[in-house]
PDB file of N, CA and C in Angstrom:
ATOM      1  N   MET A   1       0.758  -1.138  -0.006  1.00  0.00           N
ATOM      2  CA  MET A   1      -0.015   0.036   0.039  1.00  0.00           C
ATOM      3  C   MET A   1       0.845   1.232   0.015  1.00  0.00           C
ATOM      4  N   SER A   2       0.735   2.088  -0.863  1.00  0.00           N
ATOM      5  CA  SER A   2       1.362   3.354  -1.011  1.00  0.00           C
ATOM      6  C   SER A   2       1.136   4.340   0.153  1.00  0.00           C
ATOM      7  N   ALA A   3       2.044   5.289   0.386  1.00  0.00           N
ATOM      8  CA  ALA A   3       2.068   6.285   1.299  1.00  0.00           C
ATOM      9  C   ALA A   3       0.754   7.286   1.328  1.00  0.00           C
ATOM     10  N   VAL A   4       0.321   7.440   0.029  1.00  0.00           N
ATOM     11  CA  VAL A   4      -0.776   8.295  -0.367  1.00  0.00           C
ATOM     12  C   VAL A   4      -1.999   7.662  -0.026  1.00  0.00           C
ATOM     13  N   LYS A   5      -2.197   6.306  -0.255  1.00  0.00           N
ATOM     14  CA  LYS A   5      -3.455   5.697   0.047  1.00  0.00           C
ATOM     15  C   LYS A   5      -3.455   5.403   1.688  1.00  0.00           C
ATOM     16  N   GLU A   6      -2.413   5.274   2.094  1.00  0.00           N
ATOM     17  CA  GLU A   6      -2.620   4.961   3.674  1.00  0.00           C
ATOM     18  C   GLU A   6      -2.953   6.465   4.385  1.00  0.00           C
ATOM     19  N   LEU A   7      -2.549   7.277   4.084  1.00  0.00           N
ATOM     20  CA  LEU A   7      -2.797   8.647   4.593  1.00  0.00           C
ATOM     21  C   LEU A   7      -4.080   8.961   4.312  1.00  0.00           C
ATOM     22  N   VAL A   8      -4.828   8.956   3.114  1.00  0.00           N
ATOM     23  CA  VAL A   8      -6.275   9.106   2.804  1.00  0.00           C
ATOM     24  C   VAL A   8      -6.977   8.306   3.736  1.00  0.00           C
ATOM     25  N   GLU A   9      -6.675   6.931   3.921  1.00  0.00           N
ATOM     26  CA  GLU A   9      -7.682   5.972   4.529  1.00  0.00           C
ATOM     27  C   GLU A   9      -7.591   6.317   5.964  1.00  0.00           C
ATOM     28  N   CYS A  10      -6.484   6.616   6.571  1.00  0.00           N
ATOM     29  CA  CYS A  10      -6.364   7.040   7.839  1.00  0.00           C
ATOM     30  C   CYS A  10      -7.215   8.356   8.213  1.00  0.00           C
ATOM     31  N   ILE A  11      -7.075   9.228   7.389  1.00  0.00           N
ATOM     32  CA  ILE A  11      -7.912  10.499   7.719  1.00  0.00           C
ATOM     33  C   ILE A  11      -9.263  10.314   7.572  1.00  0.00           C
ATOM     34  N   VAL A  12      -9.637   9.699   6.481  1.00  0.00           N
ATOM     35  CA  VAL A  12     -11.002   9.610   6.255  1.00  0.00           C
ATOM     36  C   VAL A  12     -11.856   8.725   7.340  1.00  0.00           C
ATOM     37  N   LYS A  13     -11.096   7.716   7.602  1.00  0.00           N
ATOM     38  CA  LYS A  13     -11.774   6.708   8.729  1.00  0.00           C
ATOM     39  C   LYS A  13     -11.985   7.378   9.995  1.00  0.00           C
ATOM     40  N   LYS A  14     -11.070   8.485  10.421  1.00  0.00           N
ATOM     41  CA  LYS A  14     -11.142   9.226  11.518  1.00  0.00           C
ATOM     42  C   LYS A  14     -12.327  10.294  11.398  1.00  0.00           C
ATOM     43  N   LEU A  15     -12.614  10.701  10.236  1.00  0.00           N
ATOM     44  CA  LEU A  15     -13.654  11.722  10.087  1.00  0.00           C
ATOM     45  C   LEU A  15     -15.079  11.139  10.146  1.00  0.00           C
ATOM     46  N   VAL A  16     -15.274   9.791   9.598  1.00  0.00           N
ATOM     47  CA  VAL A  16     -16.589   9.377   9.434  1.00  0.00           C
ATOM     48  C   VAL A  16     -17.035   8.615  10.661  1.00  0.00           C
ATOM     49  N   ASP A  17     -18.393   8.387  10.707  1.00  0.00           N
ATOM     50  CA  ASP A  17     -19.186   7.719  11.761  1.00  0.00           C
ATOM     51  C   ASP A  17     -19.026   6.255  11.536  1.00  0.00           C
ATOM     52  N   ASN A  18     -19.015   5.816  10.188  1.00  0.00           N
ATOM     53  CA  ASN A  18     -18.950   4.269   9.892  1.00  0.00           C
ATOM     54  C   ASN A  18     -17.821   4.096   9.118  1.00  0.00           C
ATOM     55  N   PRO A  19     -16.400   3.868   9.973  1.00  0.00           N
ATOM     56  CA  PRO A  19     -15.168   3.733   9.158  1.00  0.00           C
ATOM     57  C   PRO A  19     -15.080   2.366   8.470  1.00  0.00           C
ATOM     58  N   GLU A  20     -16.033   1.540   8.791  1.00  0.00           N
ATOM     59  CA  GLU A  20     -15.824   0.113   8.078  1.00  0.00           C
ATOM     60  C   GLU A  20     -16.425   0.085   6.513  1.00  0.00           C
ATOM     61  N   THR A  21     -17.288   1.289   6.270  1.00  0.00           N
ATOM     62  CA  THR A  21     -17.774   1.319   4.967  1.00  0.00           C
ATOM     63  C   THR A  21     -16.946   2.101   3.935  1.00  0.00           C
ATOM     64  N   VAL A  22     -15.767   2.834   4.580  1.00  0.00           N
ATOM     65  CA  VAL A  22     -14.703   3.537   3.776  1.00  0.00           C
ATOM     66  C   VAL A  22     -13.986   2.420   2.949  1.00  0.00           C
ATOM     67  N   ASN A  23     -13.981   3.075   1.608  1.00  0.00           N
ATOM     68  CA  ASN A  23     -13.213   2.280   0.452  1.00  0.00           C
ATOM     69  C   ASN A  23     -12.273   3.138  -0.224  1.00  0.00           C
ATOM     70  N   VAL A  24     -10.972   3.107  -0.244  1.00  0.00           N
ATOM     71  CA  VAL A  24     -10.049   3.783  -0.861  1.00  0.00           C
ATOM     72  C   VAL A  24      -9.352   3.145  -1.931  1.00  0.00           C
ATOM     73  N   MET A  25      -9.481   3.542  -3.059  1.00  0.00           N
ATOM     74  CA  MET A  25      -8.815   2.866  -4.213  1.00  0.00           C
ATOM     75  C   MET A  25      -7.751   3.695  -4.848  1.00  0.00           C
ATOM     76  N   GLU A  26      -6.693   3.281  -5.313  1.00  0.00           N
ATOM     77  CA  GLU A  26      -5.603   4.183  -5.851  1.00  0.00           C
ATOM     78  C   GLU A  26      -5.144   3.550  -7.287  1.00  0.00           C
ATOM     79  N   THR A  27      -5.094   4.650  -8.073  1.00  0.00           N
ATOM     80  CA  THR A  27      -4.607   4.159  -9.575  1.00  0.00           C
ATOM     81  C   THR A  27      -3.361   5.000  -9.818  1.00  0.00           C
ATOM     82  N   GLU A  28      -2.362   4.258 -10.169  1.00  0.00           N
ATOM     83  CA  GLU A  28      -0.999   4.912 -10.215  1.00  0.00           C
ATOM     84  C   GLU A  28      -0.609   5.084 -11.620  1.00  0.00           C
ATOM     85  N   GLY A  29      -0.445   6.223 -12.195  1.00  0.00           N
ATOM     86  CA  GLY A  29       0.056   6.257 -13.736  1.00  0.00           C
ATOM     87  C   GLY A  29       1.490   6.726 -13.695  1.00  0.00           C
ATOM     88  N   GLU A  30       1.933   7.068 -14.618  1.00  0.00           N
ATOM     89  CA  GLU A  30       3.419   7.449 -15.011  1.00  0.00           C
ATOM     90  C   GLU A  30       3.613   8.846 -14.177  1.00  0.00           C
ATOM     91  N   ARG A  31       2.639   9.647 -14.353  1.00  0.00           N
ATOM     92  CA  ARG A  31       2.952  11.096 -13.559  1.00  0.00           C
ATOM     93  C   ARG A  31       1.706  11.408 -12.555  1.00  0.00           C
ATOM     94  N   THR A  32       0.914  10.532 -12.550  1.00  0.00           N
ATOM     95  CA  THR A  32      -0.242  10.919 -11.574  1.00  0.00           C
ATOM     96  C   THR A  32      -0.672   9.698 -10.702  1.00  0.00           C
ATOM     97  N   ILE A  33      -1.303  10.082  -9.571  1.00  0.00           N
ATOM     98  CA  ILE A  33      -1.967   9.240  -8.473  1.00  0.00           C
ATOM     99  C   ILE A  33      -3.353   9.601  -8.436  1.00  0.00           C
ATOM    100  N   ILE A  34      -4.201   8.698  -8.835  1.00  0.00           N
ATOM    101  CA  ILE A  34      -5.578   9.040  -8.661  1.00  0.00           C
ATOM    102  C   ILE A  34      -6.189   8.286  -7.537  1.00  0.00           C
ATOM    103  N   VAL A  35      -6.596   9.005  -6.411  1.00  0.00           N
ATOM    104  CA  VAL A  35      -7.288   8.191  -5.206  1.00  0.00           C
ATOM    105  C   VAL A  35      -8.689   8.390  -5.159  1.00  0.00           C
ATOM    106  N   GLU A  36      -9.505   7.393  -5.148  1.00  0.00           N
ATOM    107  CA  GLU A  36     -10.975   7.341  -5.177  1.00  0.00           C
ATOM    108  C   GLU A  36     -11.405   6.927  -3.803  1.00  0.00           C
ATOM    109  N   ILE A  37     -12.411   7.827  -3.105  1.00  0.00           N
ATOM    110  CA  ILE A  37     -12.701   7.528  -1.920  1.00  0.00           C
ATOM    111  C   ILE A  37     -14.362   7.116  -2.039  1.00  0.00           C
ATOM    112  N   LYS A  38     -14.893   6.105  -1.558  1.00  0.00           N
ATOM    113  CA  LYS A  38     -16.038   5.722  -1.432  1.00  0.00           C
ATOM    114  C   LYS A  38     -16.505   5.693   0.081  1.00  0.00           C
ATOM    115  N   VAL A  39     -17.580   6.462   0.641  1.00  0.00           N
ATOM    116  CA  VAL A  39     -18.023   6.351   1.814  1.00  0.00           C
ATOM    117  C   VAL A  39     -19.556   6.262   1.891  1.00  0.00           C
ATOM    118  N   ASP A  40     -20.010   5.735   3.039  1.00  0.00           N
ATOM    119  CA  ASP A  40     -21.413   5.871   3.435  1.00  0.00           C
ATOM    120  C   ASP A  40     -22.197   7.110   2.980  1.00  0.00           C
ATOM    121  N   SER A  41     -23.277   7.068   2.445  1.00  0.00           N
ATOM    122  CA  SER A  41     -24.091   8.362   2.028  1.00  0.00           C
ATOM    123  C   SER A  41     -24.154   9.219   3.107  1.00  0.00           C
ATOM    124  N   ASN A  42     -24.293   8.851   4.318  1.00  0.00           N
ATOM    125  CA  ASN A  42     -24.471   9.659   5.563  1.00  0.00           C
ATOM    126  C   ASN A  42     -23.266  10.295   6.090  1.00  0.00           C
ATOM    127  N   ASP A  43     -22.303   9.795   5.455  1.00  0.00           N
ATOM    128  CA  ASP A  43     -20.823  10.391   5.897  1.00  0.00           C
ATOM    129  C   ASP A  43     -20.035  11.310   4.591  1.00  0.00           C
ATOM    130  N   LEU A  44     -20.818  11.552   3.784  1.00  0.00           N
ATOM    131  CA  LEU A  44     -20.161  12.222   2.519  1.00  0.00           C
ATOM    132  C   LEU A  44     -19.932  13.556   2.967  1.00  0.00           C
ATOM    133  N   GLY A  45     -20.853  14.323   3.685  1.00  0.00           N
ATOM    134  CA  GLY A  45     -20.734  15.674   3.960  1.00  0.00           C
ATOM    135  C   GLY A  45     -19.516  15.882   4.960  1.00  0.00           C
ATOM    136  N   LYS A  46     -19.232  14.976   5.829  1.00  0.00           N
ATOM    137  CA  LYS A  46     -18.039  14.964   6.749  1.00  0.00           C
ATOM    138  C   LYS A  46     -16.782  15.039   5.875  1.00  0.00           C
ATOM    139  N   VAL A  47     -16.821  14.268   4.800  1.00  0.00           N
ATOM    140  CA  VAL A  47     -15.658  14.034   3.965  1.00  0.00           C
ATOM    141  C   VAL A  47     -15.378  15.386   3.210  1.00  0.00           C
ATOM    142  N   ILE A  48     -16.396  15.837   2.795  1.00  0.00           N
ATOM    143  CA  ILE A  48     -16.348  16.989   1.832  1.00  0.00           C
ATOM    144  C   ILE A  48     -16.144  18.258   2.838  1.00  0.00           C
ATOM    145  N   GLY A  49     -16.944  18.376   3.873  1.00  0.00           N
ATOM    146  CA  GLY A  49     -16.783  19.533   4.791  1.00  0.00           C
ATOM    147  C   GLY A  49     -17.479  20.788   4.209  1.00  0.00           C
ATOM    148  N   LYS A  50     -17.624  21.668   5.062  1.00  0.00           N
ATOM    149  CA  LYS A  50     -18.367  23.079   4.604  1.00  0.00           C
ATOM    150  C   LYS A  50     -17.432  23.710   3.543  1.00  0.00           C
ATOM    151  N   GLN A  51     -18.399  23.977   2.571  1.00  0.00           N
ATOM    152  CA  GLN A  51     -17.789  24.516   1.365  1.00  0.00           C
ATOM    153  C   GLN A  51     -16.611  23.869   0.710  1.00  0.00           C
ATOM    154  N   GLY A  52     -16.359  22.533   1.173  1.00  0.00           N
ATOM    155  CA  GLY A  52     -15.316  21.695   0.528  1.00  0.00           C
ATOM    156  C   GLY A  52     -14.110  21.877   1.238  1.00  0.00           C
ATOM    157  N   ARG A  53     -14.030  22.438   2.401  1.00  0.00           N
ATOM    158  CA  ARG A  53     -12.701  22.627   2.980  1.00  0.00           C
ATOM    159  C   ARG A  53     -11.896  21.431   3.327  1.00  0.00           C
ATOM    160  N   THR A  54     -12.773  20.478   3.857  1.00  0.00           N
ATOM    161  CA  THR A  54     -12.055  19.237   4.503  1.00  0.00           C
ATOM    162  C   THR A  54     -11.393  18.673   3.175  1.00  0.00           C
ATOM    163  N   ALA A  55     -12.207  18.482   2.061  1.00  0.00           N
ATOM    164  CA  ALA A  55     -11.632  17.846   0.901  1.00  0.00           C
ATOM    165  C   ALA A  55     -10.495  18.625   0.185  1.00  0.00           C
ATOM    166  N   LYS A  56     -10.511  19.848   0.392  1.00  0.00           N
ATOM    167  CA  LYS A  56      -9.420  20.705  -0.060  1.00  0.00           C
ATOM    168  C   LYS A  56      -8.214  20.384   0.885  1.00  0.00           C
ATOM    169  N   ALA A  57      -8.474  20.241   1.916  1.00  0.00           N
ATOM    170  CA  ALA A  57      -7.257  19.986   3.047  1.00  0.00           C
ATOM    171  C   ALA A  57      -6.645  18.715   2.650  1.00  0.00           C
ATOM    172  N   ILE A  58      -7.538  17.595   2.550  1.00  0.00           N
ATOM    173  CA  ILE A  58      -7.163  16.245   2.351  1.00  0.00           C
ATOM    174  C   ILE A  58      -6.199  16.383   0.823  1.00  0.00           C
ATOM    175  N   ARG A  59      -6.894  17.091  -0.293  1.00  0.00           N
ATOM    176  CA  ARG A  59      -6.032  17.256  -1.532  1.00  0.00           C
ATOM    177  C   ARG A  59      -4.802  17.855  -1.348  1.00  0.00           C
ATOM    178  N   THR A  60      -4.627  19.030  -0.404  1.00  0.00           N
ATOM    179  CA  THR A  60      -3.372  19.632  -0.239  1.00  0.00           C
ATOM    180  C   THR A  60      -2.305  18.634   0.438  1.00  0.00           C
ATOM    181  N   LEU A  61      -2.898  17.855   1.476  1.00  0.00           N
ATOM    182  CA  LEU A  61      -1.949  16.740   2.003  1.00  0.00           C
ATOM    183  C   LEU A  61      -1.279  15.772   1.027  1.00  0.00           C
ATOM    184  N   ILE A  62      -2.166  15.184   0.455  1.00  0.00           N
ATOM    185  CA  ILE A  62      -1.934  14.133  -0.616  1.00  0.00           C
ATOM    186  C   ILE A  62      -0.978  14.621  -1.724  1.00  0.00           C
ATOM    187  N   SER A  63      -1.162  15.941  -1.996  1.00  0.00           N
ATOM    188  CA  SER A  63      -0.545  16.587  -3.160  1.00  0.00           C
ATOM    189  C   SER A  63       1.208  16.591  -2.577  1.00  0.00           C
ATOM    190  N   SER A  64       1.355  17.098  -1.422  1.00  0.00           N
ATOM    191  CA  SER A  64       2.700  17.370  -0.894  1.00  0.00           C
ATOM    192  C   SER A  64       3.306  15.773  -0.794  1.00  0.00           C
ATOM    193  N   VAL A  65       2.434  14.794  -0.408  1.00  0.00           N
ATOM    194  CA  VAL A  65       3.221  13.450  -0.206  1.00  0.00           C
ATOM    195  C   VAL A  65       3.601  12.902  -1.776  1.00  0.00           C
ATOM    196  N   ALA A  66       2.656  13.234  -2.692  1.00  0.00           N
ATOM    197  CA  ALA A  66       2.731  12.700  -3.917  1.00  0.00           C
ATOM    198  C   ALA A  66       3.986  13.452  -4.511  1.00  0.00           C
ATOM    199  N   ALA A  67       4.297  14.731  -4.267  1.00  0.00           N
ATOM    200  CA  ALA A  67       5.285  15.496  -4.822  1.00  0.00           C
ATOM    201  C   ALA A  67       6.738  14.925  -4.494  1.00  0.00           C
ATOM    202  N   LYS A  68       6.613  14.329  -3.185  1.00  0.00           N
ATOM    203  CA  LYS A  68       8.072  13.709  -3.084  1.00  0.00           C
ATOM    204  C   LYS A  68       8.512  12.661  -4.043  1.00  0.00           C
ATOM    205  N   THR A  69       7.427  11.970  -4.679  1.00  0.00           N
ATOM    206  CA  THR A  69       7.900  11.002  -5.665  1.00  0.00           C
ATOM    207  C   THR A  69       7.732  11.568  -6.972  1.00  0.00           C
ATOM    208  N   GLY A  70       7.511  12.856  -7.072  1.00  0.00           N
ATOM    209  CA  GLY A  70       7.551  13.682  -8.430  1.00  0.00           C
ATOM    210  C   GLY A  70       6.432  13.412  -9.241  1.00  0.00           C
ATOM    211  N   LYS A  71       5.413  12.937  -8.487  1.00  0.00           N
ATOM    212  CA  LYS A  71       3.992  12.945  -9.113  1.00  0.00           C
ATOM    213  C   LYS A  71       2.908  13.862  -8.683  1.00  0.00           C
ATOM    214  N   ARG A  72       1.797  13.841  -9.466  1.00  0.00           N
ATOM    215  CA  ARG A  72       0.789  14.801  -9.026  1.00  0.00           C
ATOM    216  C   ARG A  72      -0.466  13.779  -8.571  1.00  0.00           C
ATOM    217  N   ALA A  73      -1.194  14.352  -7.485  1.00  0.00           N
ATOM    218  CA  ALA A  73      -2.178  13.331  -6.883  1.00  0.00           C
ATOM    219  C   ALA A  73      -3.539  14.407  -7.285  1.00  0.00           C
ATOM    220  N   VAL A  74      -4.554  13.327  -7.449  1.00  0.00           N
ATOM    221  CA  VAL A  74      -5.770  13.755  -7.811  1.00  0.00           C
ATOM    222  C   VAL A  74      -6.749  12.933  -6.715  1.00  0.00           C
ATOM    223  N   LEU A  75      -7.655  13.699  -6.007  1.00  0.00           N
ATOM    224  CA  LEU A  75      -8.575  13.053  -5.122  1.00  0.00           C
ATOM    225  C   LEU A  75      -9.889  13.197  -5.756  1.00  0.00           C
ATOM    226  N   GLU A  76     -10.688  12.010  -5.883  1.00  0.00           N
ATOM    227  CA  GLU A  76     -12.064  11.946  -6.283  1.00  0.00           C
ATOM    228  C   GLU A  76     -12.962  11.307  -5.217  1.00  0.00           C
ATOM    229  N   ILE A  77     -13.895  11.849  -4.835  1.00  0.00           N
ATOM    230  CA  ILE A  77     -14.869  11.590  -3.853  1.00  0.00           C
ATOM    231  C   ILE A  77     -16.135  11.064  -4.540  1.00  0.00           C
ATOM    232  N   ILE A  78     -16.570   9.699  -4.432  1.00  0.00           N
ATOM    233  CA  ILE A  78     -17.403   9.069  -5.315  1.00  0.00           C
ATOM    234  C   ILE A  78     -18.540   8.998  -4.476  1.00  0.00           C
ATOM    235  N   GLU A  79     -19.761   9.294  -5.039  1.00  0.00           N
ATOM    236  CA  GLU A  79     -20.968   9.375  -4.142  1.00  0.00           C
ATOM    237  C   GLU A  79     -21.711   7.842  -4.126  1.00  0.00           C
TER     238      GLU A  79
END
């Protein structure tokens, strides 16, 4: 498991009420890492946050971790 996937999984599981429903998938390309998060519909607002602030903060964190490997990170929250 990559550092980016571990980081996202740890953060999201701490935010939600139903951590067992959290599913994090990672697709790694040549220059990009795509991280997809699926959570329970009741927890979706907690992951996105007010005006998207929580999602933006997670994106900032994974971008800095991915930059160490010379890649770009993309976070997708799937409903």
